[in-house]
Amino acid sequence: MTKVHLNQSISKNLQILEIKFAQQIKIFVNQQCSKQQHHINYYQFQHAYQLTYPLTQYQQFMY
């Protein structure tokens, strides 16, 4: 496996992971909103975003 193939494979897997994370965050946000019946707490959203942040940083590093 060449370095190019490896990089393509890794970034493809990262994209899949990011999509899964994004879906989880969407579910989490929807649950919070329906529980509270008002705007989501900014801190909670920030926390959820930080879970995916290292992934996006890593993906930028790959290119």
N, C-alpha and C. Protein backbone atom coordinates (compact mmCIF):
# COMPACT_ATOMS: atom_id res chain seq x y z
N MET A 1 0.84 -1.20 0.00
CA MET A 1 0.00 0.00 0.00
C MET A 1 0.88 1.25 0.00
N THR A 2 0.69 2.09 -0.98
CA THR A 2 1.52 3.30 -1.05
C THR A 2 1.01 4.33 -0.05
N LYS A 3 1.84 5.33 0.18
CA LYS A 3 1.48 6.40 1.11
C LYS A 3 0.20 7.12 0.65
N VAL A 4 0.08 7.33 -0.66
CA VAL A 4 -1.10 7.99 -1.22
C VAL A 4 -2.36 7.17 -0.93
N HIS A 5 -2.28 5.87 -1.18
CA HIS A 5 -3.43 4.99 -0.92
C HIS A 5 -3.79 5.00 0.56
N LEU A 6 -2.77 4.97 1.39
CA LEU A 6 -2.99 4.97 2.84
C LEU A 6 -3.68 6.26 3.26
N ASN A 7 -3.19 7.39 2.77
CA ASN A 7 -3.80 8.69 3.09
C ASN A 7 -5.25 8.76 2.63
N GLN A 8 -5.52 8.25 1.42
CA GLN A 8 -6.89 8.24 0.89
C GLN A 8 -7.79 7.39 1.77
N SER A 9 -7.28 6.24 2.17
CA SER A 9 -8.04 5.32 3.01
C SER A 9 -8.33 5.95 4.37
N ILE A 10 -7.32 6.57 4.95
CA ILE A 10 -7.49 7.21 6.27
C ILE A 10 -8.49 8.35 6.18
N SER A 11 -8.35 9.21 5.17
CA SER A 11 -9.27 10.36 5.09
C SER A 11 -10.70 9.90 4.80
N LYS A 12 -10.84 8.81 4.05
CA LYS A 12 -12.18 8.26 3.78
C LYS A 12 -12.80 7.77 5.09
N ASN A 13 -12.01 7.04 5.88
CA ASN A 13 -12.49 6.55 7.17
C ASN A 13 -12.82 7.70 8.11
N LEU A 14 -12.01 8.74 8.08
CA LEU A 14 -12.28 9.92 8.92
C LEU A 14 -13.59 10.58 8.54
N GLN A 15 -13.85 10.68 7.23
CA GLN A 15 -15.11 11.27 6.77
C GLN A 15 -16.30 10.48 7.28
N ILE A 16 -16.19 9.15 7.24
CA ILE A 16 -17.27 8.29 7.74
C ILE A 16 -17.46 8.54 9.24
N LEU A 17 -16.35 8.59 9.97
CA LEU A 17 -16.42 8.86 11.41
C LEU A 17 -17.06 10.21 11.69
N GLU A 18 -16.67 11.22 10.93
CA GLU A 18 -17.21 12.56 11.14
C GLU A 18 -18.71 12.59 10.90
N ILE A 19 -19.16 11.88 9.88
CA ILE A 19 -20.59 11.81 9.57
C ILE A 19 -21.32 11.16 10.75
N LYS A 20 -20.75 10.07 11.27
CA LYS A 20 -21.37 9.38 12.41
C LYS A 20 -21.43 10.30 13.63
N PHE A 21 -20.33 11.02 13.89
CA PHE A 21 -20.29 11.96 15.01
C PHE A 21 -21.35 13.05 14.83
N ALA A 22 -21.43 13.58 13.62
CA ALA A 22 -22.39 14.64 13.33
C ALA A 22 -23.81 14.15 13.58
N GLN A 23 -24.10 12.91 13.17
CA GLN A 23 -25.43 12.34 13.40
C GLN A 23 -25.71 12.20 14.88
N GLN A 24 -24.70 11.76 15.64
CA GLN A 24 -24.86 11.61 17.09
C GLN A 24 -25.14 12.96 17.74
N ILE A 25 -24.40 13.99 17.30
CA ILE A 25 -24.59 15.33 17.85
C ILE A 25 -26.00 15.83 17.54
N LYS A 26 -26.45 15.59 16.32
CA LYS A 26 -27.79 16.02 15.91
C LYS A 26 -28.84 15.37 16.81
N ILE A 27 -28.70 14.07 17.05
CA ILE A 27 -29.62 13.33 17.93
C ILE A 27 -29.57 13.93 19.34
N PHE A 28 -28.34 14.14 19.82
CA PHE A 28 -28.13 14.70 21.16
C PHE A 28 -28.80 16.07 21.31
N VAL A 29 -28.58 16.92 20.33
CA VAL A 29 -29.15 18.27 20.34
C VAL A 29 -30.68 18.20 20.33
N ASN A 30 -31.22 17.35 19.46
CA ASN A 30 -32.68 17.19 19.39
C ASN A 30 -33.26 16.70 20.71
N GLN A 31 -32.59 15.73 21.34
CA GLN A 31 -33.06 15.20 22.63
C GLN A 31 -33.06 16.30 23.68
N GLN A 32 -31.96 17.07 23.73
CA GLN A 32 -31.85 18.14 24.72
C GLN A 32 -32.95 19.18 24.51
N CYS A 33 -33.17 19.54 23.26
CA CYS A 33 -34.17 20.57 22.94
C CYS A 33 -35.57 20.09 23.32
N SER A 34 -35.88 18.83 23.03
CA SER A 34 -37.22 18.35 23.33
C SER A 34 -37.41 18.18 24.84
N LYS A 35 -36.34 17.84 25.55
CA LYS A 35 -36.42 17.72 27.02
C LYS A 35 -36.69 19.08 27.64
N GLN A 36 -35.93 20.06 27.20
CA GLN A 36 -35.97 21.37 27.85
C GLN A 36 -37.04 22.29 27.28
N GLN A 37 -37.51 21.98 26.08
CA GLN A 37 -38.52 22.80 25.40
C GLN A 37 -38.07 24.27 25.23
N HIS A 38 -36.80 24.48 25.16
CA HIS A 38 -36.27 25.82 24.85
C HIS A 38 -34.88 25.69 24.25
N HIS A 39 -34.23 26.79 23.99
CA HIS A 39 -32.92 26.74 23.32
C HIS A 39 -31.93 25.90 24.10
N ILE A 40 -31.13 25.16 23.35
CA ILE A 40 -30.13 24.29 23.97
C ILE A 40 -29.07 25.13 24.68
N ASN A 41 -28.64 24.58 25.78
CA ASN A 41 -27.57 25.19 26.56
C ASN A 41 -26.30 25.26 25.68
N TYR A 42 -25.74 26.44 25.55
CA TYR A 42 -24.57 26.63 24.68
C TYR A 42 -23.41 25.74 25.12
N TYR A 43 -23.24 25.60 26.43
CA TYR A 43 -22.14 24.78 26.94
C TYR A 43 -22.25 23.33 26.46
N GLN A 44 -23.47 22.79 26.48
CA GLN A 44 -23.67 21.41 26.05
C GLN A 44 -23.32 21.24 24.58
N PHE A 45 -23.74 22.20 23.77
CA PHE A 45 -23.44 22.12 22.35
C PHE A 45 -21.93 22.22 22.12
N GLN A 46 -21.29 23.13 22.85
CA GLN A 46 -19.85 23.33 22.77
C GLN A 46 -19.13 22.02 23.12
N HIS A 47 -19.62 21.36 24.16
CA HIS A 47 -19.01 20.09 24.59
C HIS A 47 -19.14 19.03 23.49
N ALA A 48 -20.32 18.95 22.89
CA ALA A 48 -20.54 17.98 21.81
C ALA A 48 -19.64 18.29 20.62
N TYR A 49 -19.47 19.57 20.31
CA TYR A 49 -18.61 19.97 19.18
C TYR A 49 -17.16 19.58 19.46
N GLN A 50 -16.73 19.76 20.71
CA GLN A 50 -15.33 19.47 21.06
C GLN A 50 -15.00 18.00 20.87
N LEU A 51 -16.01 17.13 20.96
CA LEU A 51 -15.77 15.71 20.74
C LEU A 51 -15.33 15.45 19.31
N THR A 52 -15.85 16.23 18.37
CA THR A 52 -15.49 16.00 16.96
C THR A 52 -14.32 16.88 16.53
N TYR A 53 -13.99 17.88 17.32
CA TYR A 53 -12.96 18.85 16.91
C TYR A 53 -11.61 18.19 16.60
N PRO A 54 -11.12 17.27 17.46
CA PRO A 54 -9.83 16.65 17.14
C PRO A 54 -9.84 15.95 15.78
N LEU A 55 -10.98 15.38 15.42
CA LEU A 55 -11.08 14.72 14.11
C LEU A 55 -10.90 15.70 12.97
N THR A 56 -11.56 16.85 13.07
CA THR A 56 -11.46 17.84 11.99
C THR A 56 -10.03 18.38 11.92
N GLN A 57 -9.43 18.58 13.08
CA GLN A 57 -8.04 19.05 13.11
C GLN A 57 -7.13 18.03 12.41
N TYR A 58 -7.36 16.75 12.72
CA TYR A 58 -6.53 15.70 12.15
C TYR A 58 -6.70 15.63 10.64
N GLN A 59 -7.93 15.82 10.19
CA GLN A 59 -8.20 15.74 8.76
C GLN A 59 -7.52 16.90 8.02
N GLN A 60 -7.52 18.08 8.62
CA GLN A 60 -6.83 19.22 8.00
C GLN A 60 -5.34 18.92 7.90
N PHE A 61 -4.82 18.26 8.92
CA PHE A 61 -3.41 17.92 8.96
C PHE A 61 -3.05 16.94 7.83
N MET A 62 -4.01 16.08 7.47
CA MET A 62 -3.75 15.06 6.45
C MET A 62 -3.50 15.64 5.07
N TYR A 63 -4.13 16.77 4.76
CA TYR A 63 -4.04 17.29 3.39
C TYR A 63 -2.82 18.14 3.15
